Amino acid sequence: RSKKNDNAGVLARKEVAKLLEKGKDELARIKVEQIIRDDYYMESMELMEMYLNLMIARFGLIESVKHCDLGIQEAITTVVWATPRMQGDVSELKTIKTLVQSRYGRDFVG
């Protein structure tokens, strides 16, 4: 995680504390829900980075084998599944999904 995101989390938590002090429980609840969503999103981005690094490391295998090897299948299918959910922030995922589809076929990508 970046220091910038950690600092933003600390500031958001302080904001929640201030809202609770002022008796604005509903606004604090909404803010907490946003903090949780942001945390989950950051964790999912870190997981995507790990899977993409695995795909890079196994690029020779991807290039040389016509079917998706079980050792990288989880990484590839996760990246494909996450593409429509994250392509707004990482536009390159669409290109990766297209390349995977051309390599393994439309049925693999689903």
C-alpha atoms as a PDB file:
ATOM      1  CA  ARG A   1       0.000   0.000   0.000  1.00  0.00           C
ATOM      2  CA  SER A   2       1.147   3.483  -0.676  1.00  0.00           C
ATOM      3  CA  LYS A   3       1.784   6.002   2.052  1.00  0.00           C
ATOM      4  CA  LYS A   4      -0.702   8.329   0.344  1.00  0.00           C
ATOM      5  CA  ASN A   5      -3.517   5.772   0.710  1.00  0.00           C
ATOM      6  CA  ASP A   6      -2.562   5.071   4.324  1.00  0.00           C
ATOM      7  CA  ASN A   7      -2.649   8.795   5.109  1.00  0.00           C
ATOM      8  CA  ALA A   8      -6.043   9.138   3.413  1.00  0.00           C
ATOM      9  CA  GLY A   9      -7.332   6.270   5.577  1.00  0.00           C
ATOM     10  CA  VAL A  10      -6.117   7.962   8.762  1.00  0.00           C
ATOM     11  CA  LEU A  11      -7.776  11.235   7.738  1.00  0.00           C
ATOM     12  CA  ALA A  12     -11.034   9.450   6.914  1.00  0.00           C
ATOM     13  CA  ARG A  13     -11.038   7.719  10.298  1.00  0.00           C
ATOM     14  CA  LYS A  14     -10.472  11.057  12.052  1.00  0.00           C
ATOM     15  CA  GLU A  15     -13.381  12.477  10.069  1.00  0.00           C
ATOM     16  CA  VAL A  16     -15.588   9.611  11.283  1.00  0.00           C
ATOM     17  CA  ALA A  17     -14.573  10.326  14.874  1.00  0.00           C
ATOM     18  CA  LYS A  18     -15.504  13.994  14.450  1.00  0.00           C
ATOM     19  CA  LEU A  19     -18.869  13.081  12.956  1.00  0.00           C
ATOM     20  CA  LEU A  20     -19.587  10.772  15.896  1.00  0.00           C
ATOM     21  CA  GLU A  21     -18.588  13.504  18.365  1.00  0.00           C
ATOM     22  CA  LYS A  22     -21.105  15.803  16.685  1.00  0.00           C
ATOM     23  CA  GLY A  23     -23.819  13.145  16.912  1.00  0.00           C
ATOM     24  CA  LYS A  24     -23.987  12.636  13.158  1.00  0.00           C
ATOM     25  CA  ASP A  25     -24.132   8.850  13.390  1.00  0.00           C
ATOM     26  CA  GLU A  26     -25.726   8.254   9.981  1.00  0.00           C
ATOM     27  CA  LEU A  27     -23.090  10.311   8.157  1.00  0.00           C
ATOM     28  CA  ALA A  28     -20.385   8.492  10.140  1.00  0.00           C
ATOM     29  CA  ARG A  29     -21.883   5.141   9.127  1.00  0.00           C
ATOM     30  CA  ILE A  30     -21.859   6.159   5.440  1.00  0.00           C
ATOM     31  CA  LYS A  31     -18.238   7.294   5.758  1.00  0.00           C
ATOM     32  CA  VAL A  32     -17.246   3.990   7.409  1.00  0.00           C
ATOM     33  CA  GLU A  33     -18.906   2.040   4.597  1.00  0.00           C
ATOM     34  CA  GLN A  34     -16.885   4.069   2.078  1.00  0.00           C
ATOM     35  CA  ILE A  35     -13.665   3.414   4.012  1.00  0.00           C
ATOM     36  CA  ILE A  36     -14.391  -0.322   3.978  1.00  0.00           C
ATOM     37  CA  ARG A  37     -15.135  -0.277   0.228  1.00  0.00           C
ATOM     38  CA  ASP A  38     -11.905   1.626  -0.412  1.00  0.00           C
ATOM     39  CA  ASP A  39      -9.913  -0.852   1.695  1.00  0.00           C
ATOM     40  CA  TYR A  40     -11.384  -3.810  -0.187  1.00  0.00           C
ATOM     41  CA  TYR A  41     -10.666  -2.129  -3.496  1.00  0.00           C
ATOM     42  CA  MET A  42      -7.030  -1.487  -2.542  1.00  0.00           C
ATOM     43  CA  GLU A  43      -6.655  -5.113  -1.479  1.00  0.00           C
ATOM     44  CA  SER A  44      -8.132  -6.278  -4.783  1.00  0.00           C
ATOM     45  CA  MET A  45      -5.714  -4.017  -6.692  1.00  0.00           C
ATOM     46  CA  GLU A  46      -2.809  -5.560  -4.782  1.00  0.00           C
ATOM     47  CA  LEU A  47      -4.079  -9.039  -5.635  1.00  0.00           C
ATOM     48  CA  MET A  48      -4.393  -8.068  -9.298  1.00  0.00           C
ATOM     49  CA  GLU A  49      -0.814  -6.800  -9.245  1.00  0.00           C
ATOM     50  CA  MET A  50       0.333 -10.145  -7.854  1.00  0.00           C
ATOM     51  CA  TYR A  51      -1.580 -12.101 -10.523  1.00  0.00           C
ATOM     52  CA  LEU A  52      -0.319  -9.864 -13.327  1.00  0.00           C
ATOM     53  CA  ASN A  53       3.258 -10.275 -12.106  1.00  0.00           C
ATOM     54  CA  LEU A  54       2.741 -14.047 -12.157  1.00  0.00           C
ATOM     55  CA  MET A  55       1.458 -13.815 -15.737  1.00  0.00           C
ATOM     56  CA  ILE A  56       4.540 -11.795 -16.709  1.00  0.00           C
ATOM     57  CA  ALA A  57       6.820 -14.329 -15.039  1.00  0.00           C
ATOM     58  CA  ARG A  58       5.074 -17.177 -16.879  1.00  0.00           C
ATOM     59  CA  PHE A  59       4.804 -15.398 -20.217  1.00  0.00           C
ATOM     60  CA  GLY A  60       6.980 -17.992 -21.933  1.00  0.00           C
ATOM     61  CA  LEU A  61       4.594 -20.724 -20.787  1.00  0.00           C
ATOM     62  CA  ILE A  62       1.562 -18.746 -21.937  1.00  0.00           C
ATOM     63  CA  GLU A  63       3.208 -18.199 -25.305  1.00  0.00           C
ATOM     64  CA  SER A  64       4.310 -21.800 -25.844  1.00  0.00           C
ATOM     65  CA  VAL A  65       1.248 -23.797 -24.737  1.00  0.00           C
ATOM     66  CA  LYS A  66      -2.089 -23.731 -26.575  1.00  0.00           C
ATOM     67  CA  HIS A  67      -4.168 -24.510 -23.477  1.00  0.00           C
ATOM     68  CA  CYS A  68      -4.133 -22.625 -20.182  1.00  0.00           C
ATOM     69  CA  ASP A  69      -1.736 -24.338 -17.784  1.00  0.00           C
ATOM     70  CA  LEU A  70      -3.215 -25.114 -14.356  1.00  0.00           C
ATOM     71  CA  GLY A  71      -0.326 -23.277 -12.695  1.00  0.00           C
ATOM     72  CA  ILE A  72      -1.494 -19.935 -14.073  1.00  0.00           C
ATOM     73  CA  GLN A  73      -5.184 -20.595 -14.637  1.00  0.00           C
ATOM     74  CA  GLU A  74      -6.294 -18.923 -11.396  1.00  0.00           C
ATOM     75  CA  ALA A  75      -4.289 -15.796 -12.185  1.00  0.00           C
ATOM     76  CA  ILE A  76      -5.597 -15.561 -15.747  1.00  0.00           C
ATOM     77  CA  THR A  77      -9.242 -16.258 -14.907  1.00  0.00           C
ATOM     78  CA  THR A  78      -9.160 -13.763 -12.033  1.00  0.00           C
ATOM     79  CA  VAL A  79      -7.730 -11.043 -14.272  1.00  0.00           C
ATOM     80  CA  VAL A  80     -10.368 -11.794 -16.919  1.00  0.00           C
ATOM     81  CA  TRP A  81     -13.169 -11.739 -14.312  1.00  0.00           C
ATOM     82  CA  ALA A  82     -11.941  -8.486 -12.751  1.00  0.00           C
ATOM     83  CA  THR A  83     -11.470  -6.626 -16.037  1.00  0.00           C
ATOM     84  CA  PRO A  84     -15.003  -5.189 -16.376  1.00  0.00           C
ATOM     85  CA  ARG A  85     -14.963  -4.232 -12.687  1.00  0.00           C
ATOM     86  CA  MET A  86     -11.581  -2.471 -12.728  1.00  0.00           C
ATOM     87  CA  GLN A  87     -10.972  -1.298 -16.284  1.00  0.00           C
ATOM     88  CA  GLY A  88     -12.098   2.200 -15.343  1.00  0.00           C
ATOM     89  CA  ASP A  89      -8.968   2.510 -13.204  1.00  0.00           C
ATOM     90  CA  VAL A  90      -6.682   0.184 -15.187  1.00  0.00           C
ATOM     91  CA  SER A  91      -7.547   0.483 -18.868  1.00  0.00           C
ATOM     92  CA  GLU A  92      -4.799  -1.980 -19.863  1.00  0.00           C
ATOM     93  CA  LEU A  93      -6.860  -4.827 -18.401  1.00  0.00           C
ATOM     94  CA  LYS A  94      -9.149  -4.686 -21.449  1.00  0.00           C
ATOM     95  CA  THR A  95      -6.144  -5.285 -23.699  1.00  0.00           C
ATOM     96  CA  ILE A  96      -4.978  -8.173 -21.526  1.00  0.00           C
ATOM     97  CA  LYS A  97      -8.441  -9.745 -21.627  1.00  0.00           C
ATOM     98  CA  THR A  98      -8.514  -9.415 -25.426  1.00  0.00           C
ATOM     99  CA  LEU A  99      -5.088 -11.069 -25.695  1.00  0.00           C
ATOM    100  CA  VAL A 100      -6.147 -13.913 -23.390  1.00  0.00           C
ATOM    101  CA  GLN A 101      -9.270 -14.421 -25.503  1.00  0.00           C
ATOM    102  CA  SER A 102      -7.234 -14.559 -28.697  1.00  0.00           C
ATOM    103  CA  ARG A 103      -4.850 -17.057 -27.083  1.00  0.00           C
ATOM    104  CA  TYR A 104      -7.297 -19.415 -25.350  1.00  0.00           C
ATOM    105  CA  GLY A 105     -10.544 -18.715 -27.159  1.00  0.00           C
ATOM    106  CA  ARG A 106     -13.842 -17.007 -26.532  1.00  0.00           C
ATOM    107  CA  ASP A 107     -15.183 -19.901 -24.418  1.00  0.00           C
ATOM    108  CA  PHE A 108     -12.278 -19.557 -21.969  1.00  0.00           C
ATOM    109  CA  VAL A 109     -12.991 -15.884 -21.405  1.00  0.00           C
ATOM    110  CA  GLY A 110     -16.735 -16.475 -21.234  1.00  0.00           C
END
